[in-house]
Amino acid sequence: MKRILIGLVLTGLFSSLCVKAESLDQVGDNVFEQKVLEIIMKHPDVIEKSMTLYVEKKRKDQEAQKLTEALNNHYEVDYGKSPSQGKKKAKYQLVVFTDFECPYCKRGEETVQALKEKYGDDLFIVQKNYPLPFHKQARPAAKAALAAHQQEKFFEYSAKLFENQKNLGDDLYIKLAEDLKLNLDKFKKDMNSQEIKDLLKADIETAAKVEVGSTPNFILNGVKIAGAYPVEYFDKIIKMLETKK
């Protein structure tokens, strides 16, 4: 059994170095292990490459399994009064759960913009706020973005929040409102209004219903995607959805 396990680990090494497994099968256990160690010591680069390939294969297998499960477990999302872009009857419906202080959400935002450019009118985007409790500025930033939404500037405002992610704070929220020429009195009032609190609460409750517990999270035509995946991953899901029709 020991030889079988070691042989499996060294399969990639044998093929790379043209070492015949049969030549090791003719020796005793101690000599066998000694020869294996000699091979490893002489060719550490090949071992490293073999391990890298093995880890990458495991990652891809896990990702494929995760994707298959996601495709078979659809989620229905209540859009409510959340900010949106595009045509409501677009072919692809993308719901985004984000936290303005989360660095991965900034990467997720870049992916959303790339998808928007690629799919154009075929993509409808709904933005949901999901401020994580350990991000002190996530909730105030979300309230500021929703206050900008009251003046139809949510997406312009949220883009600037991500651009200035390292400087989130009251001074920035006011400055961005000024830059976008918002009505400052209304903006300040809306930020602390019950209506904004209710909108944020509704987003968080929606996230709980669809089992979102981290950011960024996306739901594309009912398929949940947890993490800042690149555009190619979304393309793969879209192709799989098309195939299932």
C-alpha atoms as a PDB file:
ATOM      1  CA  MET A   1       0.000   0.000   0.000  1.00  0.00           C
ATOM      2  CA  LYS A   2       2.844   2.393   0.918  1.00  0.00           C
ATOM      3  CA  ARG A   3       4.410   1.863  -2.501  1.00  0.00           C
ATOM      4  CA  ILE A   4       1.122   2.466  -4.257  1.00  0.00           C
ATOM      5  CA  LEU A   5       0.582   5.800  -2.484  1.00  0.00           C
ATOM      6  CA  ILE A   6       4.128   7.012  -3.099  1.00  0.00           C
ATOM      7  CA  GLY A   7       3.878   5.826  -6.678  1.00  0.00           C
ATOM      8  CA  LEU A   8       0.741   7.907  -7.228  1.00  0.00           C
ATOM      9  CA  VAL A   9       2.406  11.009  -5.825  1.00  0.00           C
ATOM     10  CA  LEU A  10       5.421  10.488  -8.054  1.00  0.00           C
ATOM     11  CA  THR A  11       3.487   9.726 -11.228  1.00  0.00           C
ATOM     12  CA  GLY A  12       4.058  13.206 -12.599  1.00  0.00           C
ATOM     13  CA  LEU A  13       7.719  13.034 -11.653  1.00  0.00           C
ATOM     14  CA  PHE A  14       8.241   9.675 -13.350  1.00  0.00           C
ATOM     15  CA  SER A  15       6.647  10.890 -16.567  1.00  0.00           C
ATOM     16  CA  SER A  16       8.753  14.058 -16.524  1.00  0.00           C
ATOM     17  CA  LEU A  17      12.042  12.237 -15.905  1.00  0.00           C
ATOM     18  CA  CYS A  18      11.302   9.029 -17.816  1.00  0.00           C
ATOM     19  CA  VAL A  19      11.861   6.994 -14.627  1.00  0.00           C
ATOM     20  CA  LYS A  20      10.353   3.539 -14.817  1.00  0.00           C
ATOM     21  CA  ALA A  21       8.207   2.600 -11.837  1.00  0.00           C
ATOM     22  CA  GLU A  22       9.095  -1.037 -12.500  1.00  0.00           C
ATOM     23  CA  SER A  23      12.729  -0.338 -11.627  1.00  0.00           C
ATOM     24  CA  LEU A  24      11.700   0.699  -8.126  1.00  0.00           C
ATOM     25  CA  ASP A  25       9.373  -2.235  -7.740  1.00  0.00           C
ATOM     26  CA  GLN A  26      12.281  -4.664  -7.611  1.00  0.00           C
ATOM     27  CA  VAL A  27      13.886  -3.297  -4.415  1.00  0.00           C
ATOM     28  CA  GLY A  28      13.148  -3.568  -0.677  1.00  0.00           C
ATOM     29  CA  ASP A  29      11.185  -0.976   1.252  1.00  0.00           C
ATOM     30  CA  ASN A  30      14.207   0.816   2.731  1.00  0.00           C
ATOM     31  CA  VAL A  31      16.000   1.022  -0.605  1.00  0.00           C
ATOM     32  CA  PHE A  32      12.754   2.069  -2.270  1.00  0.00           C
ATOM     33  CA  GLU A  33      12.265   4.990   0.113  1.00  0.00           C
ATOM     34  CA  GLN A  34      15.927   5.979  -0.210  1.00  0.00           C
ATOM     35  CA  LYS A  35      15.690   6.074  -3.997  1.00  0.00           C
ATOM     36  CA  VAL A  36      12.493   8.112  -3.839  1.00  0.00           C
ATOM     37  CA  LEU A  37      14.211  10.645  -1.553  1.00  0.00           C
ATOM     38  CA  GLU A  38      17.172  10.808  -3.909  1.00  0.00           C
ATOM     39  CA  ILE A  39      14.862  11.618  -6.802  1.00  0.00           C
ATOM     40  CA  ILE A  40      13.117  14.328  -4.786  1.00  0.00           C
ATOM     41  CA  MET A  41      16.403  15.909  -3.674  1.00  0.00           C
ATOM     42  CA  LYS A  42      17.784  15.933  -7.204  1.00  0.00           C
ATOM     43  CA  HIS A  43      14.637  17.349  -8.834  1.00  0.00           C
ATOM     44  CA  PRO A  44      12.821  19.689  -6.363  1.00  0.00           C
ATOM     45  CA  ASP A  45      11.578  21.855  -9.246  1.00  0.00           C
ATOM     46  CA  VAL A  46       9.688  18.935 -10.775  1.00  0.00           C
ATOM     47  CA  ILE A  47       8.134  18.052  -7.410  1.00  0.00           C
ATOM     48  CA  GLU A  48       7.045  21.659  -6.955  1.00  0.00           C
ATOM     49  CA  LYS A  49       5.514  21.697 -10.427  1.00  0.00           C
ATOM     50  CA  SER A  50       3.699  18.417  -9.778  1.00  0.00           C
ATOM     51  CA  MET A  51       2.265  19.712  -6.499  1.00  0.00           C
ATOM     52  CA  THR A  52       1.174  22.965  -8.166  1.00  0.00           C
ATOM     53  CA  LEU A  53      -0.631  21.018 -10.887  1.00  0.00           C
ATOM     54  CA  TYR A  54      -2.276  18.810  -8.277  1.00  0.00           C
ATOM     55  CA  VAL A  55      -3.515  21.794  -6.228  1.00  0.00           C
ATOM     56  CA  GLU A  56      -4.784  23.545  -9.356  1.00  0.00           C
ATOM     57  CA  LYS A  57      -6.671  20.413 -10.429  1.00  0.00           C
ATOM     58  CA  LYS A  58      -8.269  20.130  -6.983  1.00  0.00           C
ATOM     59  CA  ARG A  59      -9.270  23.814  -7.128  1.00  0.00           C
ATOM     60  CA  LYS A  60     -10.856  23.397 -10.553  1.00  0.00           C
ATOM     61  CA  ASP A  61     -12.685  20.239  -9.458  1.00  0.00           C
ATOM     62  CA  GLN A  62     -14.080  22.007  -6.389  1.00  0.00           C
ATOM     63  CA  GLU A  63     -15.053  25.038  -8.461  1.00  0.00           C
ATOM     64  CA  ALA A  64     -16.852  22.821 -10.996  1.00  0.00           C
ATOM     65  CA  GLN A  65     -18.732  21.028  -8.219  1.00  0.00           C
ATOM     66  CA  LYS A  66     -19.673  24.345  -6.615  1.00  0.00           C
ATOM     67  CA  LEU A  67     -20.910  25.678  -9.947  1.00  0.00           C
ATOM     68  CA  THR A  68     -23.002  22.583 -10.616  1.00  0.00           C
ATOM     69  CA  GLU A  69     -24.639  22.910  -7.199  1.00  0.00           C
ATOM     70  CA  ALA A  70     -25.338  26.607  -7.808  1.00  0.00           C
ATOM     71  CA  LEU A  71     -26.991  25.905 -11.151  1.00  0.00           C
ATOM     72  CA  ASN A  72     -29.323  23.408  -9.478  1.00  0.00           C
ATOM     73  CA  ASN A  73     -30.264  25.666  -6.562  1.00  0.00           C
ATOM     74  CA  HIS A  74     -31.887  28.842  -7.854  1.00  0.00           C
ATOM     75  CA  TYR A  75     -32.692  31.868  -5.717  1.00  0.00           C
ATOM     76  CA  GLU A  76     -35.518  34.325  -6.241  1.00  0.00           C
ATOM     77  CA  VAL A  77     -34.682  37.895  -5.181  1.00  0.00           C
ATOM     78  CA  ASP A  78     -37.140  40.643  -4.342  1.00  0.00           C
ATOM     79  CA  TYR A  79     -35.751  43.713  -6.086  1.00  0.00           C
ATOM     80  CA  GLY A  80     -37.847  46.029  -3.910  1.00  0.00           C
ATOM     81  CA  LYS A  81     -36.875  49.692  -4.243  1.00  0.00           C
ATOM     82  CA  SER A  82     -33.189  48.984  -4.779  1.00  0.00           C
ATOM     83  CA  PRO A  83     -31.198  51.027  -7.317  1.00  0.00           C
ATOM     84  CA  SER A  84     -31.085  49.429 -10.756  1.00  0.00           C
ATOM     85  CA  GLN A  85     -29.591  49.896 -14.203  1.00  0.00           C
ATOM     86  CA  GLY A  86     -30.777  48.644 -17.578  1.00  0.00           C
ATOM     87  CA  LYS A  87     -34.009  47.211 -18.886  1.00  0.00           C
ATOM     88  CA  LYS A  88     -36.107  45.277 -16.369  1.00  0.00           C
ATOM     89  CA  LYS A  89     -36.930  42.601 -18.949  1.00  0.00           C
ATOM     90  CA  ALA A  90     -33.308  42.115 -19.984  1.00  0.00           C
ATOM     91  CA  LYS A  91     -32.090  38.608 -20.781  1.00  0.00           C
ATOM     92  CA  TYR A  92     -29.718  38.490 -17.822  1.00  0.00           C
ATOM     93  CA  GLN A  93     -30.679  39.676 -14.344  1.00  0.00           C
ATOM     94  CA  LEU A  94     -27.760  40.405 -12.021  1.00  0.00           C
ATOM     95  CA  VAL A  95     -28.285  41.221  -8.346  1.00  0.00           C
ATOM     96  CA  VAL A  96     -25.197  42.551  -6.549  1.00  0.00           C
ATOM     97  CA  PHE A  97     -24.735  42.428  -2.769  1.00  0.00           C
ATOM     98  CA  THR A  98     -21.902  44.753  -1.825  1.00  0.00           C
ATOM     99  CA  ASP A  99     -20.043  46.440   1.042  1.00  0.00           C
ATOM    100  CA  PHE A 100     -18.322  49.729   0.165  1.00  0.00           C
ATOM    101  CA  GLU A 101     -15.481  49.092   2.611  1.00  0.00           C
ATOM    102  CA  CYS A 102     -14.755  45.567   1.349  1.00  0.00           C
ATOM    103  CA  PRO A 103     -11.689  45.476  -0.964  1.00  0.00           C
ATOM    104  CA  TYR A 104     -13.052  42.421  -2.755  1.00  0.00           C
ATOM    105  CA  CYS A 105     -16.244  44.342  -3.504  1.00  0.00           C
ATOM    106  CA  LYS A 106     -14.141  46.914  -5.319  1.00  0.00           C
ATOM    107  CA  ARG A 107     -12.876  44.113  -7.556  1.00  0.00           C
ATOM    108  CA  GLY A 108     -16.450  42.884  -7.894  1.00  0.00           C
ATOM    109  CA  GLU A 109     -17.515  46.354  -9.016  1.00  0.00           C
ATOM    110  CA  GLU A 110     -14.867  46.276 -11.740  1.00  0.00           C
ATOM    111  CA  THR A 111     -16.300  42.953 -12.926  1.00  0.00           C
ATOM    112  CA  VAL A 112     -19.837  44.372 -12.955  1.00  0.00           C
ATOM    113  CA  GLN A 113     -18.704  47.286 -15.102  1.00  0.00           C
ATOM    114  CA  ALA A 114     -16.973  44.897 -17.494  1.00  0.00           C
ATOM    115  CA  LEU A 115     -20.139  42.777 -17.727  1.00  0.00           C
ATOM    116  CA  LYS A 116     -22.203  45.894 -18.316  1.00  0.00           C
ATOM    117  CA  GLU A 117     -19.940  46.887 -21.193  1.00  0.00           C
ATOM    118  CA  LYS A 118     -19.923  43.376 -22.645  1.00  0.00           C
ATOM    119  CA  TYR A 119     -23.624  42.525 -22.449  1.00  0.00           C
ATOM    120  CA  GLY A 120     -25.127  46.001 -22.813  1.00  0.00           C
ATOM    121  CA  ASP A 121     -28.925  46.008 -23.025  1.00  0.00           C
ATOM    122  CA  ASP A 122     -29.035  42.277 -22.282  1.00  0.00           C
ATOM    123  CA  LEU A 123     -28.006  42.957 -18.678  1.00  0.00           C
ATOM    124  CA  PHE A 124     -30.179  44.349 -15.882  1.00  0.00           C
ATOM    125  CA  ILE A 125     -28.330  45.211 -12.666  1.00  0.00           C
ATOM    126  CA  VAL A 126     -29.861  45.540  -9.199  1.00  0.00           C
ATOM    127  CA  GLN A 127     -27.695  46.840  -6.359  1.00  0.00           C
ATOM    128  CA  LYS A 128     -28.205  45.658  -2.778  1.00  0.00           C
ATOM    129  CA  ASN A 129     -26.244  46.911   0.217  1.00  0.00           C
ATOM    130  CA  TYR A 130     -24.856  44.361   2.652  1.00  0.00           C
ATOM    131  CA  PRO A 131     -22.584  46.221   5.117  1.00  0.00           C
ATOM    132  CA  LEU A 132     -20.543  43.787   7.163  1.00  0.00           C
ATOM    133  CA  PRO A 133     -20.574  44.539  10.918  1.00  0.00           C
ATOM    134  CA  PHE A 134     -16.777  44.636  11.271  1.00  0.00           C
ATOM    135  CA  HIS A 135     -16.464  47.388   8.619  1.00  0.00           C
ATOM    136  CA  LYS A 136     -17.111  50.608  10.543  1.00  0.00           C
ATOM    137  CA  GLN A 137     -17.741  52.747   7.477  1.00  0.00           C
ATOM    138  CA  ALA A 138     -19.736  50.205   5.481  1.00  0.00           C
ATOM    139  CA  ARG A 139     -23.129  51.200   6.885  1.00  0.00           C
ATOM    140  CA  PRO A 140     -22.568  55.008   6.747  1.00  0.00           C
ATOM    141  CA  ALA A 141     -21.279  54.638   3.179  1.00  0.00           C
ATOM    142  CA  ALA A 142     -24.347  52.604   2.216  1.00  0.00           C
ATOM    143  CA  LYS A 143     -26.620  55.249   3.735  1.00  0.00           C
ATOM    144  CA  ALA A 144     -24.773  57.960   1.807  1.00  0.00           C
ATOM    145  CA  ALA A 145     -25.164  56.030  -1.455  1.00  0.00           C
ATOM    146  CA  LEU A 146     -28.868  55.521  -0.788  1.00  0.00           C
ATOM    147  CA  ALA A 147     -29.209  59.230  -0.016  1.00  0.00           C
ATOM    148  CA  ALA A 148     -27.665  59.917  -3.418  1.00  0.00           C
ATOM    149  CA  HIS A 149     -30.203  57.452  -4.847  1.00  0.00           C
ATOM    150  CA  GLN A 150     -32.951  59.806  -3.696  1.00  0.00           C
ATOM    151  CA  GLN A 151     -31.533  62.251  -6.223  1.00  0.00           C
ATOM    152  CA  GLU A 152     -31.035  59.561  -8.907  1.00  0.00           C
ATOM    153  CA  LYS A 153     -27.249  59.487  -8.514  1.00  0.00           C
ATOM    154  CA  PHE A 154     -26.704  56.162  -6.776  1.00  0.00           C
ATOM    155  CA  PHE A 155     -24.408  54.537  -9.315  1.00  0.00           C
ATOM    156  CA  GLU A 156     -22.338  57.655  -9.899  1.00  0.00           C
ATOM    157  CA  TYR A 157     -21.984  58.062  -6.141  1.00  0.00           C
ATOM    158  CA  SER A 158     -21.172  54.409  -5.469  1.00  0.00           C
ATOM    159  CA  ALA A 159     -18.469  54.448  -8.158  1.00  0.00           C
ATOM    160  CA  LYS A 160     -16.790  57.354  -6.378  1.00  0.00           C
ATOM    161  CA  LEU A 161     -17.048  55.552  -3.037  1.00  0.00           C
ATOM    162  CA  PHE A 162     -15.090  52.642  -4.480  1.00  0.00           C
ATOM    163  CA  GLU A 163     -12.566  55.006  -6.047  1.00  0.00           C
ATOM    164  CA  ASN A 164     -11.997  56.574  -2.619  1.00  0.00           C
ATOM    165  CA  GLN A 165     -12.402  53.410  -0.569  1.00  0.00           C
ATOM    166  CA  LYS A 166      -9.399  54.136   1.659  1.00  0.00           C
ATOM    167  CA  ASN A 167     -10.827  57.534   2.683  1.00  0.00           C
ATOM    168  CA  LEU A 168     -14.380  56.605   3.665  1.00  0.00           C
ATOM    169  CA  GLY A 169     -15.826  58.989   6.256  1.00  0.00           C
ATOM    170  CA  ASP A 170     -18.227  61.890   6.792  1.00  0.00           C
ATOM    171  CA  ASP A 171     -15.991  64.430   5.047  1.00  0.00           C
ATOM    172  CA  LEU A 172     -15.779  62.275   1.938  1.00  0.00           C
ATOM    173  CA  TYR A 173     -19.531  61.646   1.824  1.00  0.00           C
ATOM    174  CA  ILE A 174     -20.224  65.374   1.766  1.00  0.00           C
ATOM    175  CA  LYS A 175     -17.462  66.082  -0.740  1.00  0.00           C
ATOM    176  CA  LEU A 176     -18.768  63.451  -3.158  1.00  0.00           C
ATOM    177  CA  ALA A 177     -22.264  64.896  -2.866  1.00  0.00           C
ATOM    178  CA  GLU A 178     -20.814  68.307  -3.711  1.00  0.00           C
ATOM    179  CA  ASP A 179     -18.852  66.911  -6.644  1.00  0.00           C
ATOM    180  CA  LEU A 180     -22.041  65.394  -8.065  1.00  0.00           C
ATOM    181  CA  LYS A 181     -23.883  68.692  -7.459  1.00  0.00           C
ATOM    182  CA  LEU A 182     -26.468  67.099  -5.197  1.00  0.00           C
ATOM    183  CA  ASN A 183     -28.790  69.173  -3.042  1.00  0.00           C
ATOM    184  CA  LEU A 184     -26.676  69.058   0.145  1.00  0.00           C
ATOM    185  CA  ASP A 185     -29.478  69.895   2.561  1.00  0.00           C
ATOM    186  CA  LYS A 186     -31.620  67.101   1.164  1.00  0.00           C
ATOM    187  CA  PHE A 187     -28.637  64.728   1.028  1.00  0.00           C
ATOM    188  CA  LYS A 188     -27.778  65.272   4.708  1.00  0.00           C
ATOM    189  CA  LYS A 189     -31.406  64.931   5.730  1.00  0.00           C
ATOM    190  CA  ASP A 190     -31.907  61.762   3.688  1.00  0.00           C
ATOM    191  CA  MET A 191     -28.767  60.127   5.067  1.00  0.00           C
ATOM    192  CA  ASN A 192     -30.332  60.047   8.523  1.00  0.00           C
ATOM    193  CA  SER A 193     -33.934  59.550   7.466  1.00  0.00           C
ATOM    194  CA  GLN A 194     -36.127  56.634   8.428  1.00  0.00           C
ATOM    195  CA  GLU A 195     -36.717  55.913   4.746  1.00  0.00           C
ATOM    196  CA  ILE A 196     -33.006  55.247   4.163  1.00  0.00           C
ATOM    197  CA  LYS A 197     -32.819  53.105   7.293  1.00  0.00           C
ATOM    198  CA  ASP A 198     -35.767  51.073   6.006  1.00  0.00           C
ATOM    199  CA  LEU A 199     -34.177  50.642   2.561  1.00  0.00           C
ATOM    200  CA  LEU A 200     -30.941  49.406   4.132  1.00  0.00           C
ATOM    201  CA  LYS A 201     -32.840  47.095   6.468  1.00  0.00           C
ATOM    202  CA  ALA A 202     -34.748  45.650   3.507  1.00  0.00           C
ATOM    203  CA  ASP A 203     -31.469  44.942   1.681  1.00  0.00           C
ATOM    204  CA  ILE A 204     -30.043  43.111   4.685  1.00  0.00           C
ATOM    205  CA  GLU A 205     -33.233  41.075   5.134  1.00  0.00           C
ATOM    206  CA  THR A 206     -33.194  40.142   1.444  1.00  0.00           C
ATOM    207  CA  ALA A 207     -29.578  39.013   1.784  1.00  0.00           C
ATOM    208  CA  ALA A 208     -30.558  36.743   4.674  1.00  0.00           C
ATOM    209  CA  LYS A 209     -33.409  35.200   2.662  1.00  0.00           C
ATOM    210  CA  VAL A 210     -31.076  34.194  -0.160  1.00  0.00           C
ATOM    211  CA  GLU A 211     -28.385  33.012   2.265  1.00  0.00           C
ATOM    212  CA  VAL A 212     -25.834  35.721   1.569  1.00  0.00           C
ATOM    213  CA  GLY A 213     -23.282  35.875   4.377  1.00  0.00           C
ATOM    214  CA  SER A 214     -20.296  37.564   2.755  1.00  0.00           C
ATOM    215  CA  THR A 215     -19.365  40.123   0.128  1.00  0.00           C
ATOM    216  CA  PRO A 216     -19.344  40.434  -2.747  1.00  0.00           C
ATOM    217  CA  ASN A 217     -22.196  38.128  -3.636  1.00  0.00           C
ATOM    218  CA  PHE A 218     -24.083  37.978  -6.914  1.00  0.00           C
ATOM    219  CA  ILE A 219     -27.195  36.266  -8.141  1.00  0.00           C
ATOM    220  CA  LEU A 220     -27.258  35.889 -11.917  1.00  0.00           C
ATOM    221  CA  ASN A 221     -30.568  34.615 -13.262  1.00  0.00           C
ATOM    222  CA  GLY A 222     -31.094  32.815  -9.969  1.00  0.00           C
ATOM    223  CA  VAL A 223     -27.566  31.397  -9.724  1.00  0.00           C
ATOM    224  CA  LYS A 224     -25.651  32.526  -6.645  1.00  0.00           C
ATOM    225  CA  ILE A 225     -21.997  33.473  -7.058  1.00  0.00           C
ATOM    226  CA  ALA A 226     -20.116  34.071  -3.808  1.00  0.00           C
ATOM    227  CA  GLY A 227     -16.848  35.899  -4.350  1.00  0.00           C
ATOM    228  CA  ALA A 228     -15.023  38.341  -6.615  1.00  0.00           C
ATOM    229  CA  TYR A 229     -14.829  36.101  -9.677  1.00  0.00           C
ATOM    230  CA  PRO A 230     -13.591  37.450 -13.025  1.00  0.00           C
ATOM    231  CA  VAL A 231     -15.801  38.131 -16.038  1.00  0.00           C
ATOM    232  CA  GLU A 232     -14.907  34.744 -17.538  1.00  0.00           C
ATOM    233  CA  TYR A 233     -16.619  32.954 -14.650  1.00  0.00           C
ATOM    234  CA  PHE A 234     -19.865  34.836 -15.299  1.00  0.00           C
ATOM    235  CA  ASP A 235     -19.512  34.064 -19.009  1.00  0.00           C
ATOM    236  CA  LYS A 236     -19.253  30.369 -18.141  1.00  0.00           C
ATOM    237  CA  ILE A 237     -22.451  30.506 -16.088  1.00  0.00           C
ATOM    238  CA  ILE A 238     -24.305  32.337 -18.859  1.00  0.00           C
ATOM    239  CA  LYS A 239     -23.259  29.667 -21.380  1.00  0.00           C
ATOM    240  CA  MET A 240     -24.382  26.899 -19.020  1.00  0.00           C
ATOM    241  CA  LEU A 241     -27.726  28.636 -18.496  1.00  0.00           C
ATOM    242  CA  GLU A 242     -28.171  28.900 -22.244  1.00  0.00           C
ATOM    243  CA  THR A 243     -27.369  25.206 -22.657  1.00  0.00           C
ATOM    244  CA  LYS A 244     -30.001  24.212 -20.086  1.00  0.00           C
ATOM    245  CA  LYS A 245     -32.785  25.983 -21.993  1.00  0.00           C
END
